[in-house]
Amino acid sequence: MKTILYIIQKEFKQIFRNKGMLPIIFVLPLLQLVILSNAATFEVKHIKFGYIDNDHTSTSRALVEKFKASTYFDVLTDFPSEALASSAMLKGEVDVVLEIPHYFERDLQKEKYNTLGVTINAIDGAAAGVENVYVTQIVQRFNQNLKVELLQVSDQQIQPITIETIPLFWYNETLNYKTFMVPGILVLLVTMITLFLSGMNIVREKEIGTLEQINVTPIKKSQFIIGKLFPFWVIGMGLLTIGLILAKLIFNVPMLGSLPLMYLYTSIYILVILGIGLFISNFTETQQQAMFIAWFFTVIFILMSGLFTPIESMPKWAQLFTEFNPIKYFVEVMRMVMLKGSGFMDILPQLLKTLLYAITMNGLAVWSYKKIT
């Protein structure tokens, strides 16, 4: 036990002696949490909006006013022709063009029916889908108001049947995207920092030649690995603590569940990441190699974790692949515990899978580590 404590003491001294590592551990994660949580949003605002009004009536002007009143659209200009509107979209000057046809008001009064043309820049398919929803909602509200006005004008006694829906939003009543994103961003930071530091730290011992010196000492393999990885386990738990404090103070993210339960799961999850870092370091000779390999797998795990895109929307083969993704389970647990107040039995499936992952990865890492005896 004394040997392990001496190695841990040596590792902490080495970490805090390295001035280049301290900003990576303490400064960059905080900046990334603040910046990414504000930048990573599913909302689409300041949509550049143009329109072609071929009718020039009070009804067409009222429809355009609905878009001007919206906080999502920046109504820029009225195009006199479709060719000019297409040219503006080609140059990137507008994102959405609404075309109001000739006799728009007259056909509504006579036929009670008409169509609108909407052209959307769909280079970004996700943003185009959101923009289409915004346009549809505004047109539907305008259509409902117009129906009431037409009924009043025609003096009809029959009142239209209206069905009103009253939505009830659970777990995120204000629909604030930061409430959804901050737990995921926190997972991302804990994962990246602990993986990169643990992997590169051991490889650094190879580069400066101290690993060979340690290998020929009476230190056992298990003692060396525990002493080497334990400081980064502590750093990972510390990052989680700082991140949770910032999430509450800056973003006011609700924390409905048990903090000890969150720390319990995180303590096991960090063992998974440390095992991966050690496994990578065993097969690399330089810090650059370790960083590139770690980054390669991290990007795949992040993109397929459900952090930015729903797993349910992925192909079946990708959904099967995510079952082997530890980041997926951490994201699920963080959101379940923080936002839903889930208990131990709720996260037990993720906990067991993560524990199995930790045993497997650390077993492979210890097995692949070569020590001269």
Protein backbone atom coordinates (compact mmCIF):
# COMPACT_ATOMS: atom_id res chain seq x y z
CA MET A 1 0.00 0.00 0.00
CA LYS A 2 2.88 2.35 0.82
CA THR A 3 4.32 1.75 -2.63
CA ILE A 4 1.05 2.77 -4.28
CA LEU A 5 0.84 5.91 -2.13
CA TYR A 6 4.41 6.89 -3.10
CA ILE A 7 3.57 6.44 -6.78
CA ILE A 8 0.38 8.50 -6.39
CA GLN A 9 2.33 11.23 -4.59
CA LYS A 10 4.93 11.21 -7.35
CA GLU A 11 2.22 11.46 -10.04
CA PHE A 12 0.51 14.43 -8.41
CA LYS A 13 3.83 16.24 -8.11
CA GLN A 14 4.58 15.50 -11.74
CA ILE A 15 1.16 16.75 -12.86
CA PHE A 16 1.32 20.02 -10.92
CA ARG A 17 4.95 20.55 -11.92
CA ASN A 18 3.98 20.50 -15.59
CA LYS A 19 2.77 24.06 -16.24
CA GLY A 20 1.43 23.14 -19.65
CA MET A 21 -0.88 20.48 -18.21
CA LEU A 22 -2.51 22.67 -15.55
CA PRO A 23 -4.47 24.89 -18.01
CA ILE A 24 -5.66 21.75 -19.83
CA ILE A 25 -6.98 20.30 -16.58
CA PHE A 26 -8.54 23.32 -14.91
CA VAL A 27 -9.00 26.22 -17.35
CA LEU A 28 -9.93 24.74 -20.73
CA PRO A 29 -12.75 22.48 -19.43
CA LEU A 30 -14.44 25.44 -17.74
CA LEU A 31 -14.20 27.59 -20.85
CA GLN A 32 -15.46 24.75 -23.02
CA LEU A 33 -18.42 24.11 -20.73
CA VAL A 34 -19.46 27.77 -20.83
CA ILE A 35 -18.84 28.27 -24.57
CA LEU A 36 -20.20 24.97 -25.89
CA SER A 37 -23.31 25.09 -23.71
CA ASN A 38 -24.18 28.50 -25.14
CA ALA A 39 -23.20 27.68 -28.71
CA ALA A 40 -24.63 24.16 -29.10
CA THR A 41 -28.28 24.93 -29.70
CA PHE A 42 -31.05 23.32 -31.72
CA GLU A 43 -32.82 26.63 -32.12
CA VAL A 44 -32.67 28.45 -35.45
CA LYS A 45 -32.90 32.22 -35.10
CA HIS A 46 -32.40 35.25 -37.31
CA ILE A 47 -33.64 33.44 -40.41
CA LYS A 48 -33.14 35.70 -43.42
CA PHE A 49 -36.61 35.98 -44.92
CA GLY A 50 -37.74 37.41 -48.24
CA TYR A 51 -41.12 37.39 -49.98
CA ILE A 52 -42.74 37.90 -53.36
CA ASP A 53 -46.13 39.58 -53.01
CA ASN A 54 -47.97 39.14 -56.30
CA ASP A 55 -51.32 40.09 -54.77
CA HIS A 56 -50.68 43.39 -52.94
CA THR A 57 -53.87 43.22 -50.91
CA SER A 58 -54.63 43.70 -47.24
CA THR A 59 -54.70 39.92 -46.72
CA SER A 60 -51.26 39.38 -48.25
CA ARG A 61 -49.83 42.29 -46.26
CA ALA A 62 -51.36 40.84 -43.08
CA LEU A 63 -49.62 37.53 -43.77
CA VAL A 64 -46.26 39.24 -44.22
CA GLU A 65 -46.80 41.15 -40.97
CA LYS A 66 -47.12 37.81 -39.16
CA PHE A 67 -43.59 36.94 -40.25
CA LYS A 68 -42.31 40.39 -39.30
CA ALA A 69 -43.76 39.94 -35.82
CA SER A 70 -42.00 36.60 -35.36
CA THR A 71 -38.78 36.58 -33.33
CA TYR A 72 -37.30 33.89 -35.54
CA PHE A 73 -37.44 35.69 -38.88
CA ASP A 74 -35.58 38.77 -40.09
CA VAL A 75 -37.77 40.02 -42.94
CA LEU A 76 -35.30 41.64 -45.32
CA THR A 77 -36.94 42.60 -48.58
CA ASP A 78 -39.84 42.29 -51.01
CA PHE A 79 -38.62 40.76 -54.27
CA PRO A 80 -40.40 41.96 -57.40
CA SER A 81 -39.81 38.67 -59.24
CA GLU A 82 -38.99 35.03 -58.65
CA ALA A 83 -35.73 35.35 -60.60
CA LEU A 84 -34.39 38.01 -58.24
CA ALA A 85 -35.41 35.94 -55.22
CA SER A 86 -33.62 32.88 -56.62
CA SER A 87 -30.50 34.95 -57.29
CA ALA A 88 -30.54 36.28 -53.71
CA MET A 89 -30.83 32.75 -52.29
CA LEU A 90 -27.97 31.61 -54.53
CA LYS A 91 -25.77 34.35 -53.06
CA GLY A 92 -26.81 33.41 -49.53
CA GLU A 93 -28.66 36.67 -48.91
CA VAL A 94 -31.89 34.92 -47.89
CA ASP A 95 -32.74 31.55 -46.36
CA VAL A 96 -36.50 31.45 -46.92
CA VAL A 97 -38.60 32.97 -49.72
CA LEU A 98 -42.40 33.11 -49.46
CA GLU A 99 -44.31 33.57 -52.74
CA ILE A 100 -47.88 34.89 -52.47
CA PRO A 101 -49.79 34.14 -55.71
CA HIS A 102 -51.97 36.45 -57.77
CA TYR A 103 -55.60 36.79 -56.61
CA PHE A 104 -54.65 35.41 -53.21
CA GLU A 105 -57.35 37.32 -51.31
CA ARG A 106 -60.05 36.88 -53.98
CA ASP A 107 -59.59 33.09 -54.18
CA LEU A 108 -59.70 32.81 -50.39
CA GLN A 109 -63.02 34.63 -50.29
CA LYS A 110 -64.53 32.72 -53.21
CA GLU A 111 -63.00 29.27 -53.13
CA LYS A 112 -62.00 29.22 -49.42
CA TYR A 113 -58.73 27.70 -50.63
CA ASN A 114 -55.33 28.81 -51.88
CA THR A 115 -51.68 27.77 -51.91
CA LEU A 116 -48.44 29.50 -50.97
CA GLY A 117 -45.01 28.82 -52.38
CA VAL A 118 -42.16 28.48 -49.88
CA THR A 119 -38.55 28.04 -50.98
CA ILE A 120 -36.04 27.09 -48.27
CA ASN A 121 -32.27 26.85 -48.48
CA ALA A 122 -31.76 23.21 -47.44
CA ILE A 123 -27.97 22.89 -47.53
CA ASP A 124 -28.29 22.39 -43.77
CA GLY A 125 -31.10 19.85 -43.75
CA ALA A 126 -31.70 20.05 -39.99
CA ALA A 127 -32.00 23.84 -40.04
CA ALA A 128 -34.26 23.68 -43.11
CA GLY A 129 -36.60 21.29 -41.30
CA VAL A 130 -36.86 23.66 -38.33
CA GLU A 131 -37.45 26.64 -40.64
CA ASN A 132 -40.23 24.74 -42.40
CA VAL A 133 -41.92 24.09 -39.05
CA TYR A 134 -41.73 27.80 -38.16
CA VAL A 135 -43.26 28.81 -41.50
CA THR A 136 -46.03 26.22 -41.19
CA GLN A 137 -46.94 27.34 -37.69
CA ILE A 138 -47.21 30.99 -38.70
CA VAL A 139 -49.33 30.17 -41.76
CA GLN A 140 -51.62 27.92 -39.71
CA ARG A 141 -52.22 30.63 -37.10
CA PHE A 142 -52.90 33.13 -39.85
CA ASN A 143 -55.28 30.65 -41.48
CA GLN A 144 -57.24 30.17 -38.24
CA ASN A 145 -57.65 33.91 -37.75
CA LEU A 146 -58.71 34.31 -41.36
CA LYS A 147 -61.41 31.63 -41.03
CA VAL A 148 -62.98 33.47 -38.12
CA GLU A 149 -62.98 36.75 -40.06
CA LEU A 150 -64.56 35.15 -43.15
CA LEU A 151 -67.31 33.58 -41.06
CA GLN A 152 -68.10 36.94 -39.51
CA VAL A 153 -68.22 38.61 -42.92
CA SER A 154 -70.52 35.95 -44.42
CA ASP A 155 -72.98 36.23 -41.48
CA GLN A 156 -73.07 32.47 -41.06
CA GLN A 157 -74.70 31.34 -37.86
CA ILE A 158 -72.89 28.02 -37.69
CA GLN A 159 -69.83 28.29 -35.50
CA PRO A 160 -66.75 26.30 -36.46
CA ILE A 161 -65.73 23.42 -34.24
CA THR A 162 -62.38 24.12 -32.58
CA ILE A 163 -60.15 21.64 -30.80
CA GLU A 164 -57.56 23.11 -28.47
CA THR A 165 -54.52 21.21 -27.25
CA ILE A 166 -52.89 22.10 -23.95
CA PRO A 167 -49.31 20.78 -23.88
CA LEU A 168 -47.66 19.76 -20.63
CA PHE A 169 -43.86 19.64 -20.78
CA TRP A 170 -42.17 17.37 -18.27
CA TYR A 171 -38.56 17.61 -17.10
CA ASN A 172 -37.90 20.81 -19.11
CA GLU A 173 -40.91 23.06 -18.70
CA THR A 174 -39.33 26.12 -20.34
CA LEU A 175 -38.01 24.08 -23.30
CA ASN A 176 -34.56 25.55 -22.64
CA TYR A 177 -32.02 23.78 -24.83
CA LYS A 178 -29.27 24.44 -22.26
CA THR A 179 -31.10 22.22 -19.80
CA PHE A 180 -30.75 19.41 -22.33
CA MET A 181 -27.22 20.17 -23.55
CA VAL A 182 -25.29 21.04 -20.37
CA PRO A 183 -25.33 17.50 -18.88
CA GLY A 184 -24.12 16.12 -22.20
CA ILE A 185 -21.36 18.73 -22.54
CA LEU A 186 -20.25 17.89 -19.00
CA VAL A 187 -19.98 14.22 -20.01
CA LEU A 188 -17.91 15.26 -23.01
CA LEU A 189 -15.42 17.24 -20.92
CA VAL A 190 -14.95 14.57 -18.25
CA THR A 191 -14.38 11.97 -20.96
CA MET A 192 -11.92 13.90 -23.11
CA ILE A 193 -9.76 15.27 -20.31
CA THR A 194 -9.36 11.99 -18.45
CA LEU A 195 -8.79 9.98 -21.65
CA PHE A 196 -6.18 12.29 -23.13
CA LEU A 197 -4.30 12.90 -19.91
CA SER A 198 -4.16 9.26 -18.84
CA GLY A 199 -3.08 8.06 -22.28
CA MET A 200 -0.45 10.71 -22.90
CA ASN A 201 0.94 10.61 -19.36
CA ILE A 202 2.08 7.00 -19.63
CA VAL A 203 3.42 7.49 -23.16
CA ARG A 204 5.38 10.47 -21.88
CA GLU A 205 7.17 8.11 -19.49
CA LYS A 206 8.23 6.11 -22.57
CA GLU A 207 9.49 9.20 -24.37
CA ILE A 208 11.68 10.46 -21.54
CA GLY A 209 12.92 6.96 -20.67
CA THR A 210 11.62 6.73 -17.10
CA LEU A 211 9.24 3.87 -17.88
CA GLU A 212 12.15 1.48 -18.42
CA GLN A 213 13.62 2.54 -15.10
CA ILE A 214 10.33 1.85 -13.33
CA ASN A 215 9.98 -1.50 -15.08
CA VAL A 216 13.23 -2.82 -13.62
CA THR A 217 12.27 -1.86 -10.06
CA PRO A 218 10.53 -4.27 -7.63
CA ILE A 219 7.25 -2.36 -8.15
CA LYS A 220 4.49 -4.75 -9.16
CA LYS A 221 2.48 -4.19 -12.31
CA SER A 222 -0.76 -3.67 -10.37
CA GLN A 223 0.89 -1.15 -8.02
CA PHE A 224 2.27 0.85 -10.93
CA ILE A 225 -1.02 0.96 -12.83
CA ILE A 226 -3.12 1.90 -9.79
CA GLY A 227 -0.67 4.58 -8.73
CA LYS A 228 -0.42 5.88 -12.28
CA LEU A 229 -4.15 6.11 -13.00
CA PHE A 230 -5.56 7.07 -9.60
CA PRO A 231 -4.60 10.79 -9.87
CA PHE A 232 -6.53 11.07 -13.11
CA TRP A 233 -9.52 9.38 -11.50
CA VAL A 234 -9.41 12.09 -8.84
CA ILE A 235 -9.09 14.80 -11.51
CA GLY A 236 -12.10 13.38 -13.37
CA MET A 237 -14.23 13.46 -10.23
CA GLY A 238 -13.03 16.99 -9.55
CA LEU A 239 -14.03 18.08 -13.06
CA LEU A 240 -17.49 16.63 -12.50
CA THR A 241 -17.82 18.60 -9.26
CA ILE A 242 -16.74 21.88 -10.86
CA GLY A 243 -18.98 21.23 -13.85
CA LEU A 244 -22.04 20.57 -11.68
CA ILE A 245 -21.43 23.78 -9.74
CA LEU A 246 -21.17 25.80 -12.95
CA ALA A 247 -24.23 24.07 -14.41
CA LYS A 248 -26.25 25.19 -11.41
CA LEU A 249 -24.84 28.70 -10.96
CA ILE A 250 -24.53 29.78 -14.60
CA PHE A 251 -27.16 27.74 -16.46
CA ASN A 252 -29.54 26.95 -13.59
CA VAL A 253 -29.81 23.32 -14.70
CA PRO A 254 -32.14 21.40 -12.36
CA MET A 255 -30.62 18.62 -10.29
CA LEU A 256 -33.57 16.55 -9.18
CA GLY A 257 -31.80 13.27 -8.54
CA SER A 258 -29.28 12.01 -6.03
CA LEU A 259 -25.77 13.48 -6.23
CA PRO A 260 -24.19 10.43 -4.53
CA LEU A 261 -25.79 8.25 -7.20
CA MET A 262 -24.32 10.48 -9.90
CA TYR A 263 -20.88 10.27 -8.32
CA LEU A 264 -21.19 6.50 -7.95
CA TYR A 265 -21.85 6.03 -11.64
CA THR A 266 -19.16 8.55 -12.64
CA SER A 267 -16.56 6.78 -10.51
CA ILE A 268 -17.17 3.57 -12.46
CA TYR A 269 -17.36 5.37 -15.81
CA ILE A 270 -13.98 7.06 -15.30
CA LEU A 271 -12.47 3.61 -14.74
CA VAL A 272 -13.68 2.72 -18.25
CA ILE A 273 -12.00 5.79 -19.74
CA LEU A 274 -8.78 5.23 -17.80
CA GLY A 275 -8.71 1.62 -19.00
CA ILE A 276 -9.09 2.79 -22.60
CA GLY A 277 -6.32 5.37 -22.11
CA LEU A 278 -3.96 2.77 -20.66
CA PHE A 279 -4.81 0.30 -23.42
CA ILE A 280 -4.01 2.92 -26.10
CA SER A 281 -0.76 3.91 -24.40
CA ASN A 282 0.43 0.30 -24.39
CA PHE A 283 0.49 0.26 -28.20
CA THR A 284 1.85 3.75 -28.90
CA GLU A 285 5.34 5.20 -28.60
CA THR A 286 4.72 8.97 -28.71
CA GLN A 287 2.19 11.37 -27.23
CA GLN A 288 1.12 12.42 -30.73
CA GLN A 289 0.22 8.85 -31.62
CA ALA A 290 -1.73 8.42 -28.39
CA MET A 291 -3.61 11.69 -28.94
CA PHE A 292 -4.57 10.86 -32.54
CA ILE A 293 -5.83 7.38 -31.68
CA ALA A 294 -7.72 8.65 -28.63
CA TRP A 295 -9.26 11.46 -30.67
CA PHE A 296 -10.30 9.05 -33.44
CA PHE A 297 -12.31 6.86 -31.08
CA THR A 298 -13.60 9.80 -29.04
CA VAL A 299 -15.14 11.50 -32.09
CA ILE A 300 -16.93 8.29 -33.09
CA PHE A 301 -18.21 7.69 -29.56
CA ILE A 302 -19.40 11.30 -29.18
CA LEU A 303 -21.24 11.45 -32.50
CA MET A 304 -22.97 8.13 -31.77
CA SER A 305 -23.76 8.80 -28.12
CA GLY A 306 -27.07 10.62 -28.56
CA LEU A 307 -25.48 13.85 -27.35
CA PHE A 308 -26.31 15.83 -30.50
CA THR A 309 -28.57 13.52 -32.53
CA PRO A 310 -31.20 11.06 -31.26
CA ILE A 311 -30.08 7.43 -31.35
CA GLU A 312 -33.60 6.43 -32.44
CA SER A 313 -33.04 8.33 -35.71
CA MET A 314 -29.91 6.34 -36.57
CA PRO A 315 -29.90 3.25 -38.82
CA LYS A 316 -30.39 -0.11 -37.14
CA TRP A 317 -26.72 -1.08 -37.50
CA ALA A 318 -25.68 2.20 -35.86
CA GLN A 319 -28.13 1.69 -32.99
CA LEU A 320 -26.60 -1.75 -32.42
CA PHE A 321 -23.12 -0.21 -32.43
CA THR A 322 -24.11 2.32 -29.75
CA GLU A 323 -24.67 -0.56 -27.32
CA PHE A 324 -20.86 -0.72 -27.09
CA ASN A 325 -20.51 3.03 -26.59
CA PRO A 326 -19.75 3.96 -22.95
CA ILE A 327 -20.40 7.67 -23.56
CA LYS A 328 -23.98 6.83 -24.53
CA TYR A 329 -24.66 5.36 -21.10
CA PHE A 330 -23.06 8.29 -19.27
CA VAL A 331 -25.15 10.81 -21.24
CA GLU A 332 -28.32 8.85 -20.48
CA VAL A 333 -27.54 8.58 -16.77
CA MET A 334 -26.63 12.26 -16.38
CA ARG A 335 -29.85 13.40 -18.04
CA MET A 336 -31.97 10.85 -16.19
CA VAL A 337 -30.59 11.68 -12.75
CA MET A 338 -30.28 15.45 -13.18
CA LEU A 339 -33.49 16.18 -15.11
CA LYS A 340 -35.83 13.30 -14.21
CA GLY A 341 -34.68 12.52 -10.71
CA SER A 342 -34.15 8.85 -11.58
CA GLY A 343 -33.11 6.48 -8.80
CA PHE A 344 -30.71 3.55 -8.51
CA MET A 345 -33.05 0.98 -10.06
CA ASP A 346 -33.74 3.30 -13.01
CA ILE A 347 -30.08 3.49 -14.00
CA LEU A 348 -29.20 -0.09 -13.00
CA PRO A 349 -29.03 -1.37 -16.62
CA GLN A 350 -26.57 1.38 -17.61
CA LEU A 351 -24.62 0.87 -14.38
CA LEU A 352 -24.18 -2.87 -14.96
CA LYS A 353 -23.12 -2.40 -18.58
CA THR A 354 -20.61 0.29 -17.60
CA LEU A 355 -19.23 -1.91 -14.82
CA LEU A 356 -18.77 -4.78 -17.29
CA TYR A 357 -17.10 -2.36 -19.71
CA ALA A 358 -14.73 -1.17 -16.94
CA ILE A 359 -13.73 -4.71 -15.99
CA THR A 360 -13.16 -5.67 -19.63
CA MET A 361 -11.13 -2.60 -20.64
CA ASN A 362 -8.96 -2.54 -17.53
CA GLY A 363 -8.41 -6.29 -17.83
CA LEU A 364 -7.24 -5.86 -21.44
CA ALA A 365 -5.10 -2.87 -20.48
CA VAL A 366 -3.36 -4.72 -17.63
CA TRP A 367 -2.92 -7.83 -19.77
CA SER A 368 -1.34 -5.86 -22.65
CA TYR A 369 1.00 -3.87 -20.39
CA LYS A 370 4.48 -5.35 -20.53
CA LYS A 371 6.68 -5.10 -17.46
CA ILE A 372 10.15 -6.49 -17.10
CA THR A 373 10.26 -8.81 -14.10
